[in-house]
């Protein structure tokens, strides 16, 4: 199996906590509001490499991620990282390598706007998701979209994973087999 770490948006959880637990309690409401910035937790999931078919692999991934999202792991990871920010940088890096280093790849998805956006009157033609591998993880993979177009970006730690292009080409071939079309990919 492939060991994957996946970010999880915790804002809906904090909004729920703010609405349910914060009723009439000013302290809880203030805490929840402060936590609603970049509230991203991390899940570790084992994904199959030996599924008998693409359909079986997709079903297994969906089941495992669905189950993992019911567990408190993402929230615990977020809180640990939040408090870990007060530790010396060398301690933070060592902790990250020991905990995240068990993963083979970090994967994220970035859903962009479904229609064209403009910045300062200029049309944005492309949005690129980018995930530098966390300490101890060799690969960072981002699936992103903009205006209905799909894009995949792979970033590797050259010292441990080497060039990401062969992996990207394999992913492109597999995606083409699943969807029947070509996708924009970047290494």
N, C-alpha and C. Protein backbone atom coordinates (compact mmCIF):
# COMPACT_ATOMS: atom_id res chain seq x y z
N UNK A 1 0.83 -1.20 0.00
CA UNK A 1 0.00 0.00 0.00
C UNK A 1 0.87 1.26 0.00
N UNK A 2 0.29 2.34 -0.44
CA UNK A 2 0.94 3.63 -0.49
C UNK A 2 0.48 4.45 0.71
N UNK A 3 1.44 4.97 1.49
CA UNK A 3 1.10 5.78 2.66
C UNK A 3 0.98 7.24 2.24
N UNK A 4 -0.20 7.81 2.40
CA UNK A 4 -0.51 9.15 1.89
C UNK A 4 -0.96 10.05 3.04
N UNK A 5 -0.49 11.29 3.03
CA UNK A 5 -1.06 12.28 3.95
C UNK A 5 -1.89 13.25 3.13
N UNK A 6 -3.07 13.57 3.66
CA UNK A 6 -4.05 14.37 2.96
C UNK A 6 -4.53 15.49 3.87
N UNK A 7 -4.51 16.75 3.40
CA UNK A 7 -5.03 17.83 4.24
C UNK A 7 -6.56 17.75 4.32
N UNK A 8 -7.09 18.19 5.46
CA UNK A 8 -8.53 18.19 5.69
C UNK A 8 -8.94 19.57 6.19
N UNK A 9 -9.92 20.17 5.53
CA UNK A 9 -10.44 21.47 5.93
C UNK A 9 -11.25 21.31 7.22
N UNK A 10 -10.81 21.95 8.30
CA UNK A 10 -11.50 21.84 9.57
C UNK A 10 -12.46 23.00 9.84
N UNK A 11 -12.57 23.94 8.92
CA UNK A 11 -13.47 25.08 9.14
C UNK A 11 -14.91 24.64 9.41
N UNK A 12 -15.46 23.67 8.65
CA UNK A 12 -16.84 23.26 8.96
C UNK A 12 -16.98 22.71 10.38
N UNK A 13 -15.96 21.98 10.86
CA UNK A 13 -16.00 21.46 12.22
C UNK A 13 -16.00 22.60 13.24
N UNK A 14 -15.12 23.59 13.03
CA UNK A 14 -15.07 24.72 13.96
C UNK A 14 -16.34 25.56 13.89
N UNK A 15 -16.93 25.67 12.71
CA UNK A 15 -18.20 26.39 12.60
C UNK A 15 -19.28 25.66 13.39
N UNK A 16 -19.29 24.33 13.29
CA UNK A 16 -20.24 23.53 14.05
C UNK A 16 -20.01 23.68 15.55
N UNK A 17 -18.74 23.62 15.96
CA UNK A 17 -18.42 23.79 17.38
C UNK A 17 -18.84 25.17 17.86
N UNK A 18 -18.62 26.18 17.04
CA UNK A 18 -18.99 27.54 17.41
C UNK A 18 -20.49 27.68 17.56
N UNK A 19 -21.24 27.03 16.68
CA UNK A 19 -22.70 27.12 16.74
C UNK A 19 -23.30 26.30 17.86
N UNK A 20 -22.77 25.12 18.11
CA UNK A 20 -23.35 24.21 19.11
C UNK A 20 -22.81 24.47 20.51
N UNK A 21 -21.48 24.52 20.63
CA UNK A 21 -20.89 24.66 21.95
C UNK A 21 -20.78 26.11 22.40
N UNK A 22 -20.78 27.02 21.42
CA UNK A 22 -20.55 28.41 21.75
C UNK A 22 -21.79 29.19 22.14
N UNK A 23 -22.97 28.58 22.05
CA UNK A 23 -24.20 29.31 22.35
C UNK A 23 -24.17 29.85 23.77
N UNK A 24 -24.18 31.19 23.86
CA UNK A 24 -24.22 31.84 25.16
C UNK A 24 -22.89 31.85 25.89
N UNK A 25 -21.84 31.31 25.28
CA UNK A 25 -20.54 31.27 25.94
C UNK A 25 -19.55 32.07 25.10
N UNK A 26 -19.34 33.30 25.47
CA UNK A 26 -18.50 34.22 24.72
C UNK A 26 -17.09 33.68 24.52
N UNK A 27 -16.53 33.04 25.53
CA UNK A 27 -15.15 32.54 25.44
C UNK A 27 -15.03 31.52 24.31
N UNK A 28 -15.95 30.57 24.23
CA UNK A 28 -15.90 29.54 23.20
C UNK A 28 -16.06 30.16 21.82
N UNK A 29 -16.98 31.11 21.67
CA UNK A 29 -17.18 31.76 20.38
C UNK A 29 -15.91 32.47 19.93
N UNK A 30 -15.24 33.15 20.83
CA UNK A 30 -14.00 33.85 20.47
C UNK A 30 -12.91 32.86 20.07
N UNK A 31 -12.80 31.74 20.79
CA UNK A 31 -11.80 30.73 20.45
C UNK A 31 -12.07 30.17 19.06
N UNK A 32 -13.30 29.83 18.78
CA UNK A 32 -13.66 29.26 17.48
C UNK A 32 -13.39 30.27 16.38
N UNK A 33 -13.71 31.54 16.59
CA UNK A 33 -13.45 32.56 15.57
C UNK A 33 -11.96 32.70 15.30
N UNK A 34 -11.13 32.62 16.33
CA UNK A 34 -9.69 32.71 16.13
C UNK A 34 -9.15 31.51 15.35
N UNK A 35 -9.76 30.36 15.52
CA UNK A 35 -9.30 29.14 14.86
C UNK A 35 -9.78 29.03 13.42
N UNK A 36 -10.61 29.96 12.96
CA UNK A 36 -11.18 29.82 11.63
C UNK A 36 -10.33 30.41 10.53
N UNK A 37 -9.05 30.63 10.75
CA UNK A 37 -8.16 31.09 9.69
C UNK A 37 -7.83 29.92 8.79
N UNK A 38 -6.58 29.58 8.69
CA UNK A 38 -6.12 28.47 7.87
C UNK A 38 -6.19 27.19 8.70
N UNK A 39 -7.38 26.69 8.90
CA UNK A 39 -7.59 25.53 9.78
C UNK A 39 -7.58 24.25 8.96
N UNK A 40 -6.38 23.75 8.74
CA UNK A 40 -6.20 22.54 7.95
C UNK A 40 -5.53 21.48 8.81
N UNK A 41 -6.17 20.34 8.94
CA UNK A 41 -5.59 19.21 9.64
C UNK A 41 -5.03 18.23 8.61
N UNK A 42 -4.44 17.15 9.08
CA UNK A 42 -3.83 16.17 8.18
C UNK A 42 -4.28 14.77 8.56
N UNK A 43 -4.62 13.98 7.56
CA UNK A 43 -4.95 12.57 7.74
C UNK A 43 -3.87 11.72 7.10
N UNK A 44 -3.58 10.60 7.71
CA UNK A 44 -2.69 9.61 7.09
C UNK A 44 -3.57 8.44 6.66
N UNK A 45 -3.46 8.06 5.39
CA UNK A 45 -4.30 7.01 4.84
C UNK A 45 -3.43 6.06 4.03
N UNK A 46 -3.73 4.79 4.13
CA UNK A 46 -3.05 3.76 3.35
C UNK A 46 -3.90 3.45 2.12
N UNK A 47 -3.33 3.64 0.93
CA UNK A 47 -4.08 3.43 -0.30
C UNK A 47 -3.55 2.22 -1.06
N UNK A 48 -4.44 1.51 -1.72
CA UNK A 48 -4.05 0.25 -2.38
C UNK A 48 -3.22 0.46 -3.63
N UNK A 49 -2.23 -0.39 -3.80
CA UNK A 49 -1.44 -0.42 -5.03
C UNK A 49 -1.75 -1.67 -5.86
N UNK A 50 -2.43 -2.62 -5.23
CA UNK A 50 -2.65 -3.90 -5.89
C UNK A 50 -4.13 -4.22 -6.10
N UNK A 51 -4.96 -3.19 -6.27
CA UNK A 51 -6.39 -3.44 -6.49
C UNK A 51 -6.58 -4.16 -7.82
N UNK A 52 -7.57 -5.03 -7.89
CA UNK A 52 -7.77 -5.81 -9.12
C UNK A 52 -8.24 -4.98 -10.32
N UNK A 53 -8.80 -3.79 -10.07
CA UNK A 53 -9.27 -2.94 -11.17
C UNK A 53 -9.27 -1.47 -10.72
N UNK A 54 -9.40 -0.58 -11.69
CA UNK A 54 -9.49 0.85 -11.36
C UNK A 54 -10.71 1.13 -10.50
N UNK A 55 -11.82 0.49 -10.84
CA UNK A 55 -13.05 0.69 -10.08
C UNK A 55 -12.87 0.25 -8.64
N UNK A 56 -12.24 -0.90 -8.44
CA UNK A 56 -12.00 -1.39 -7.07
C UNK A 56 -11.06 -0.46 -6.32
N UNK A 57 -10.05 0.05 -7.00
CA UNK A 57 -9.11 0.98 -6.36
C UNK A 57 -9.83 2.25 -5.92
N UNK A 58 -10.63 2.83 -6.81
CA UNK A 58 -11.37 4.05 -6.49
C UNK A 58 -12.34 3.81 -5.33
N UNK A 59 -13.01 2.67 -5.34
CA UNK A 59 -13.94 2.33 -4.25
C UNK A 59 -13.19 2.22 -2.92
N UNK A 60 -12.03 1.57 -2.93
CA UNK A 60 -11.24 1.40 -1.71
C UNK A 60 -10.75 2.75 -1.20
N UNK A 61 -10.27 3.60 -2.10
CA UNK A 61 -9.81 4.93 -1.70
C UNK A 61 -10.96 5.71 -1.06
N UNK A 62 -12.12 5.70 -1.69
CA UNK A 62 -13.28 6.42 -1.16
C UNK A 62 -13.66 5.89 0.23
N UNK A 63 -13.69 4.57 0.39
CA UNK A 63 -14.04 3.98 1.69
C UNK A 63 -13.03 4.36 2.77
N UNK A 64 -11.75 4.24 2.46
CA UNK A 64 -10.72 4.54 3.46
C UNK A 64 -10.71 6.01 3.85
N UNK A 65 -10.84 6.91 2.86
CA UNK A 65 -10.88 8.33 3.18
C UNK A 65 -12.14 8.69 3.95
N UNK A 66 -13.26 8.11 3.55
CA UNK A 66 -14.51 8.36 4.27
C UNK A 66 -14.41 7.95 5.73
N UNK A 67 -13.83 6.78 5.99
CA UNK A 67 -13.66 6.31 7.36
C UNK A 67 -12.70 7.21 8.12
N UNK A 68 -11.57 7.55 7.49
CA UNK A 68 -10.55 8.37 8.16
C UNK A 68 -11.10 9.74 8.54
N UNK A 69 -11.98 10.30 7.71
CA UNK A 69 -12.53 11.62 8.00
C UNK A 69 -13.48 11.60 9.20
N UNK A 70 -13.93 10.42 9.61
CA UNK A 70 -14.77 10.30 10.80
C UNK A 70 -13.94 10.26 12.09
N UNK A 71 -12.65 10.03 11.96
CA UNK A 71 -11.76 9.93 13.11
C UNK A 71 -11.25 11.33 13.51
N UNK A 72 -10.79 11.48 14.76
CA UNK A 72 -10.32 12.79 15.22
C UNK A 72 -8.88 13.13 14.80
N UNK A 73 -8.25 12.30 13.99
CA UNK A 73 -6.84 12.46 13.64
C UNK A 73 -6.52 13.84 13.06
N UNK A 74 -7.36 14.33 12.15
CA UNK A 74 -7.08 15.63 11.51
C UNK A 74 -7.10 16.76 12.53
N UNK A 75 -8.07 16.73 13.44
CA UNK A 75 -8.16 17.77 14.47
C UNK A 75 -6.97 17.68 15.42
N UNK A 76 -6.61 16.48 15.83
CA UNK A 76 -5.46 16.30 16.72
C UNK A 76 -4.19 16.79 16.04
N UNK A 77 -4.03 16.46 14.75
CA UNK A 77 -2.86 16.93 14.02
C UNK A 77 -2.80 18.45 13.93
N UNK A 78 -3.95 19.07 13.70
CA UNK A 78 -4.01 20.53 13.61
C UNK A 78 -3.62 21.16 14.95
N UNK A 79 -4.19 20.66 16.03
CA UNK A 79 -3.91 21.23 17.35
C UNK A 79 -2.44 21.00 17.74
N UNK A 80 -1.91 19.83 17.41
CA UNK A 80 -0.51 19.54 17.70
C UNK A 80 0.40 20.50 16.93
N UNK A 81 0.10 20.71 15.65
CA UNK A 81 0.91 21.63 14.85
C UNK A 81 0.78 23.06 15.36
N UNK A 82 -0.42 23.44 15.80
CA UNK A 82 -0.63 24.80 16.31
C UNK A 82 0.22 25.04 17.55
N UNK A 83 0.22 24.09 18.47
CA UNK A 83 0.99 24.26 19.70
C UNK A 83 2.48 24.02 19.45
N UNK A 84 2.79 23.18 18.46
CA UNK A 84 4.18 22.92 18.13
C UNK A 84 4.89 24.15 17.59
N UNK A 85 4.12 25.12 17.10
CA UNK A 85 4.69 26.35 16.58
C UNK A 85 5.42 27.17 17.63
N UNK A 86 5.20 26.84 18.89
CA UNK A 86 5.88 27.55 19.98
C UNK A 86 7.22 26.90 20.34
N UNK A 87 7.51 25.76 19.73
CA UNK A 87 8.76 25.06 20.01
C UNK A 87 9.89 25.62 19.13
N UNK A 88 11.14 25.40 19.52
CA UNK A 88 12.26 25.83 18.67
C UNK A 88 12.16 25.18 17.29
N UNK A 89 12.62 25.88 16.26
CA UNK A 89 12.52 25.41 14.88
C UNK A 89 13.13 24.02 14.71
N UNK A 90 14.29 23.77 15.31
CA UNK A 90 14.93 22.45 15.16
C UNK A 90 14.05 21.35 15.74
N UNK A 91 13.36 21.61 16.83
CA UNK A 91 12.46 20.63 17.43
C UNK A 91 11.26 20.41 16.53
N UNK A 92 10.73 21.48 15.95
CA UNK A 92 9.59 21.37 15.03
C UNK A 92 9.96 20.50 13.83
N UNK A 93 11.13 20.76 13.25
CA UNK A 93 11.57 20.01 12.07
C UNK A 93 11.79 18.54 12.39
N UNK A 94 12.38 18.26 13.54
CA UNK A 94 12.62 16.88 13.95
C UNK A 94 11.30 16.15 14.16
N UNK A 95 10.35 16.80 14.82
CA UNK A 95 9.02 16.21 15.06
C UNK A 95 8.31 15.95 13.73
N UNK A 96 8.37 16.91 12.81
CA UNK A 96 7.71 16.76 11.51
C UNK A 96 8.31 15.58 10.74
N UNK A 97 9.63 15.45 10.76
CA UNK A 97 10.28 14.34 10.05
C UNK A 97 9.86 12.99 10.64
N UNK A 98 9.77 12.92 11.97
CA UNK A 98 9.41 11.65 12.59
C UNK A 98 7.94 11.29 12.38
N UNK A 99 7.06 12.28 12.35
CA UNK A 99 5.64 11.96 12.20
C UNK A 99 5.22 11.88 10.74
N UNK A 100 5.64 12.85 9.93
CA UNK A 100 5.25 12.86 8.53
C UNK A 100 6.11 11.96 7.67
N UNK A 101 7.31 11.67 8.12
CA UNK A 101 8.26 10.89 7.34
C UNK A 101 7.83 9.46 7.06
N UNK A 102 6.76 9.01 7.70
CA UNK A 102 6.24 7.67 7.43
C UNK A 102 5.42 7.64 6.15
N UNK A 103 5.09 8.82 5.64
CA UNK A 103 4.28 8.91 4.42
C UNK A 103 5.15 8.85 3.18
N UNK A 104 4.60 8.27 2.12
CA UNK A 104 5.28 8.22 0.83
C UNK A 104 5.01 9.48 0.03
N UNK A 105 3.83 10.07 0.21
CA UNK A 105 3.43 11.21 -0.61
C UNK A 105 2.41 12.07 0.15
N UNK A 106 2.47 13.37 -0.08
CA UNK A 106 1.45 14.29 0.43
C UNK A 106 0.59 14.68 -0.77
N UNK A 107 -0.72 14.59 -0.61
CA UNK A 107 -1.65 14.86 -1.70
C UNK A 107 -2.66 15.91 -1.25
N UNK A 108 -2.96 16.87 -2.14
CA UNK A 108 -3.96 17.88 -1.82
C UNK A 108 -4.81 18.17 -3.04
N UNK A 109 -5.96 18.76 -2.81
CA UNK A 109 -6.79 19.22 -3.92
C UNK A 109 -7.12 20.69 -3.69
N UNK A 110 -7.12 21.44 -4.77
CA UNK A 110 -7.43 22.87 -4.72
C UNK A 110 -8.50 23.12 -5.77
N UNK A 111 -9.72 23.37 -5.30
CA UNK A 111 -10.80 23.65 -6.23
C UNK A 111 -10.83 25.15 -6.51
N UNK A 112 -10.54 25.49 -7.74
CA UNK A 112 -10.55 26.90 -8.13
C UNK A 112 -11.94 27.32 -8.58
N UNK A 113 -12.08 28.59 -8.92
CA UNK A 113 -13.37 29.10 -9.38
C UNK A 113 -13.82 28.37 -10.66
N UNK A 114 -15.12 28.15 -10.81
CA UNK A 114 -15.62 27.47 -12.01
C UNK A 114 -15.66 28.36 -13.24
N UNK A 115 -15.51 29.67 -13.07
CA UNK A 115 -15.53 30.58 -14.21
C UNK A 115 -14.32 31.52 -14.16
N UNK A 116 -14.07 32.19 -15.25
CA UNK A 116 -12.92 33.08 -15.37
C UNK A 116 -12.97 34.19 -14.33
N UNK A 117 -11.81 34.46 -13.73
CA UNK A 117 -11.70 35.59 -12.81
C UNK A 117 -10.71 36.59 -13.39
N UNK A 118 -10.78 37.81 -12.88
CA UNK A 118 -9.89 38.88 -13.31
C UNK A 118 -9.23 39.51 -12.09
N UNK A 119 -7.99 39.89 -12.24
CA UNK A 119 -7.26 40.62 -11.20
C UNK A 119 -6.73 41.89 -11.85
N UNK A 120 -7.10 43.02 -11.27
CA UNK A 120 -6.70 44.33 -11.80
C UNK A 120 -7.04 44.47 -13.28
N UNK A 121 -8.19 43.93 -13.66
CA UNK A 121 -8.64 44.04 -15.04
C UNK A 121 -8.04 43.03 -16.00
N UNK A 122 -7.13 42.20 -15.51
CA UNK A 122 -6.47 41.20 -16.37
C UNK A 122 -7.08 39.83 -16.11
N UNK A 123 -7.33 39.10 -17.20
CA UNK A 123 -7.89 37.77 -17.09
C UNK A 123 -6.85 36.79 -16.53
N UNK A 124 -7.25 36.01 -15.54
CA UNK A 124 -6.39 34.95 -15.02
C UNK A 124 -6.60 33.75 -15.93
N UNK A 125 -5.53 33.32 -16.61
CA UNK A 125 -5.65 32.22 -17.57
C UNK A 125 -5.37 30.85 -16.97
N UNK A 126 -4.64 30.83 -15.85
CA UNK A 126 -4.31 29.54 -15.24
C UNK A 126 -4.01 29.75 -13.76
N UNK A 127 -4.44 28.80 -12.96
CA UNK A 127 -4.10 28.77 -11.54
C UNK A 127 -3.39 27.44 -11.29
N UNK A 128 -2.22 27.50 -10.68
CA UNK A 128 -1.43 26.30 -10.46
C UNK A 128 -1.35 26.00 -8.97
N UNK A 129 -1.80 24.82 -8.58
CA UNK A 129 -1.64 24.36 -7.21
C UNK A 129 -0.22 23.84 -7.03
N UNK A 130 0.34 24.03 -5.85
CA UNK A 130 1.72 23.63 -5.61
C UNK A 130 1.84 23.14 -4.17
N UNK A 131 2.43 22.00 -3.97
CA UNK A 131 2.61 21.44 -2.64
C UNK A 131 4.05 20.99 -2.47
N UNK A 132 4.89 21.83 -1.82
CA UNK A 132 6.24 21.34 -1.54
C UNK A 132 6.14 20.19 -0.55
N UNK A 133 6.88 19.12 -0.75
CA UNK A 133 6.79 18.00 0.18
C UNK A 133 7.15 18.44 1.60
N UNK A 134 6.33 18.05 2.58
CA UNK A 134 6.67 18.35 3.98
C UNK A 134 7.97 17.65 4.38
N UNK A 135 8.59 18.06 5.47
CA UNK A 135 9.84 17.41 5.91
C UNK A 135 9.66 15.89 6.03
N UNK A 136 10.56 15.15 5.40
CA UNK A 136 10.53 13.69 5.49
C UNK A 136 9.67 13.01 4.46
N UNK A 137 8.94 13.77 3.64
CA UNK A 137 8.07 13.21 2.60
C UNK A 137 8.70 13.52 1.25
N UNK A 138 8.76 12.53 0.37
CA UNK A 138 9.47 12.69 -0.90
C UNK A 138 8.68 13.40 -1.99
N UNK A 139 7.35 13.26 -1.99
CA UNK A 139 6.54 13.79 -3.08
C UNK A 139 5.39 14.65 -2.56
N UNK A 140 5.09 15.70 -3.32
CA UNK A 140 3.90 16.50 -3.08
C UNK A 140 3.09 16.51 -4.37
N UNK A 141 1.81 16.16 -4.29
CA UNK A 141 0.95 16.08 -5.46
C UNK A 141 -0.28 16.94 -5.22
N UNK A 142 -0.61 17.80 -6.18
CA UNK A 142 -1.80 18.65 -6.08
C UNK A 142 -2.68 18.43 -7.29
N UNK A 143 -3.95 18.19 -7.02
CA UNK A 143 -4.97 18.14 -8.05
C UNK A 143 -5.72 19.46 -7.94
N UNK A 144 -5.77 20.24 -9.02
CA UNK A 144 -6.45 21.52 -8.96
C UNK A 144 -7.36 21.71 -10.16
N UNK A 145 -8.26 22.66 -10.04
CA UNK A 145 -9.16 22.96 -11.15
C UNK A 145 -9.35 24.47 -11.25
N UNK A 146 -9.64 24.90 -12.45
CA UNK A 146 -9.97 26.30 -12.71
C UNK A 146 -10.78 26.33 -14.01
N UNK A 147 -11.91 26.96 -13.99
CA UNK A 147 -12.81 27.07 -15.14
C UNK A 147 -13.18 25.70 -15.70
N UNK A 148 -13.28 24.72 -14.83
CA UNK A 148 -13.65 23.38 -15.27
C UNK A 148 -12.50 22.56 -15.82
N UNK A 149 -11.31 23.13 -15.89
CA UNK A 149 -10.14 22.39 -16.36
C UNK A 149 -9.42 21.77 -15.17
N UNK A 150 -8.92 20.59 -15.37
CA UNK A 150 -8.23 19.82 -14.34
C UNK A 150 -6.73 19.93 -14.55
N UNK A 151 -6.00 20.06 -13.45
CA UNK A 151 -4.53 20.12 -13.54
C UNK A 151 -3.94 19.30 -12.40
N UNK A 152 -2.83 18.65 -12.68
CA UNK A 152 -2.11 17.88 -11.68
C UNK A 152 -0.68 18.39 -11.63
N UNK A 153 -0.19 18.65 -10.43
CA UNK A 153 1.19 19.10 -10.24
C UNK A 153 1.89 18.14 -9.31
N UNK A 154 3.09 17.72 -9.67
CA UNK A 154 3.90 16.83 -8.83
C UNK A 154 5.21 17.54 -8.52
N UNK A 155 5.55 17.59 -7.25
CA UNK A 155 6.80 18.20 -6.82
C UNK A 155 7.56 17.16 -6.01
N UNK A 156 8.83 16.94 -6.34
CA UNK A 156 9.59 15.91 -5.64
C UNK A 156 10.81 16.49 -4.95
N UNK A 157 11.21 15.81 -3.90
CA UNK A 157 12.49 16.08 -3.25
C UNK A 157 13.51 15.31 -4.08
N UNK A 158 14.28 16.03 -4.88
CA UNK A 158 15.20 15.38 -5.82
C UNK A 158 16.20 14.45 -5.14
N UNK A 159 16.56 14.75 -3.89
CA UNK A 159 17.56 13.92 -3.22
C UNK A 159 17.02 12.55 -2.83
N UNK A 160 15.69 12.42 -2.67
CA UNK A 160 15.16 11.12 -2.28
C UNK A 160 14.21 10.51 -3.30
N UNK A 161 13.52 11.33 -4.08
CA UNK A 161 12.54 10.80 -5.03
C UNK A 161 12.98 10.94 -6.48
N UNK A 162 13.96 11.77 -6.73
CA UNK A 162 14.42 11.96 -8.11
C UNK A 162 13.46 12.83 -8.91
N UNK A 163 13.56 12.72 -10.21
CA UNK A 163 12.77 13.52 -11.13
C UNK A 163 11.31 13.06 -11.11
N UNK A 164 10.38 13.99 -10.97
CA UNK A 164 8.96 13.67 -10.87
C UNK A 164 8.30 13.41 -12.23
N UNK A 165 8.97 13.76 -13.32
CA UNK A 165 8.33 13.64 -14.64
C UNK A 165 7.90 12.22 -15.01
N UNK A 166 8.71 11.16 -14.77
CA UNK A 166 8.22 9.81 -15.09
C UNK A 166 6.96 9.45 -14.30
N UNK A 167 6.91 9.84 -13.05
CA UNK A 167 5.70 9.58 -12.25
C UNK A 167 4.52 10.33 -12.85
N UNK A 168 4.73 11.57 -13.21
CA UNK A 168 3.67 12.39 -13.79
C UNK A 168 3.16 11.78 -15.09
N UNK A 169 4.05 11.26 -15.91
CA UNK A 169 3.64 10.62 -17.16
C UNK A 169 2.81 9.37 -16.89
N UNK A 170 3.18 8.61 -15.85
CA UNK A 170 2.40 7.43 -15.48
C UNK A 170 1.01 7.81 -14.99
N UNK A 171 0.96 8.86 -14.19
CA UNK A 171 -0.33 9.34 -13.68
C UNK A 171 -1.19 9.82 -14.85
N UNK A 172 -0.57 10.54 -15.78
CA UNK A 172 -1.32 11.03 -16.95
C UNK A 172 -1.91 9.86 -17.73
N UNK A 173 -1.13 8.81 -17.95
CA UNK A 173 -1.62 7.64 -18.68
C UNK A 173 -2.78 6.99 -17.93
N UNK A 174 -2.66 6.88 -16.62
CA UNK A 174 -3.71 6.27 -15.81
C UNK A 174 -4.98 7.12 -15.83
N UNK A 175 -4.83 8.43 -15.68
CA UNK A 175 -6.00 9.32 -15.73
C UNK A 175 -6.67 9.27 -17.09
N UNK A 176 -5.86 9.20 -18.15
CA UNK A 176 -6.42 9.09 -19.49
C UNK A 176 -7.23 7.82 -19.64
N UNK A 177 -6.77 6.74 -19.00
CA UNK A 177 -7.51 5.48 -19.03
C UNK A 177 -8.82 5.56 -18.27
N UNK A 178 -8.85 6.36 -17.20
CA UNK A 178 -10.07 6.49 -16.39
C UNK A 178 -11.06 7.45 -17.05
N UNK A 179 -10.56 8.59 -17.55
CA UNK A 179 -11.45 9.63 -18.06
C UNK A 179 -11.60 9.63 -19.57
N UNK A 180 -10.65 9.02 -20.28
CA UNK A 180 -10.71 9.01 -21.72
C UNK A 180 -10.26 10.31 -22.37
N UNK A 181 -9.56 11.18 -21.61
CA UNK A 181 -9.06 12.45 -22.20
C UNK A 181 -7.73 12.83 -21.58
N UNK A 182 -7.03 13.78 -22.23
CA UNK A 182 -5.75 14.27 -21.74
C UNK A 182 -6.00 15.36 -20.70
N UNK A 183 -5.02 15.54 -19.79
CA UNK A 183 -5.12 16.53 -18.73
C UNK A 183 -3.85 17.38 -18.71
N UNK A 184 -3.98 18.60 -18.18
CA UNK A 184 -2.81 19.47 -18.03
C UNK A 184 -2.01 19.03 -16.82
N UNK A 185 -0.77 18.66 -17.02
CA UNK A 185 0.07 18.18 -15.94
C UNK A 185 1.36 18.97 -15.90
N UNK A 186 1.93 19.13 -14.68
CA UNK A 186 3.18 19.88 -14.54
C UNK A 186 4.07 19.24 -13.49
N UNK A 187 5.38 19.16 -13.77
CA UNK A 187 6.33 18.63 -12.80
C UNK A 187 7.21 19.76 -12.32
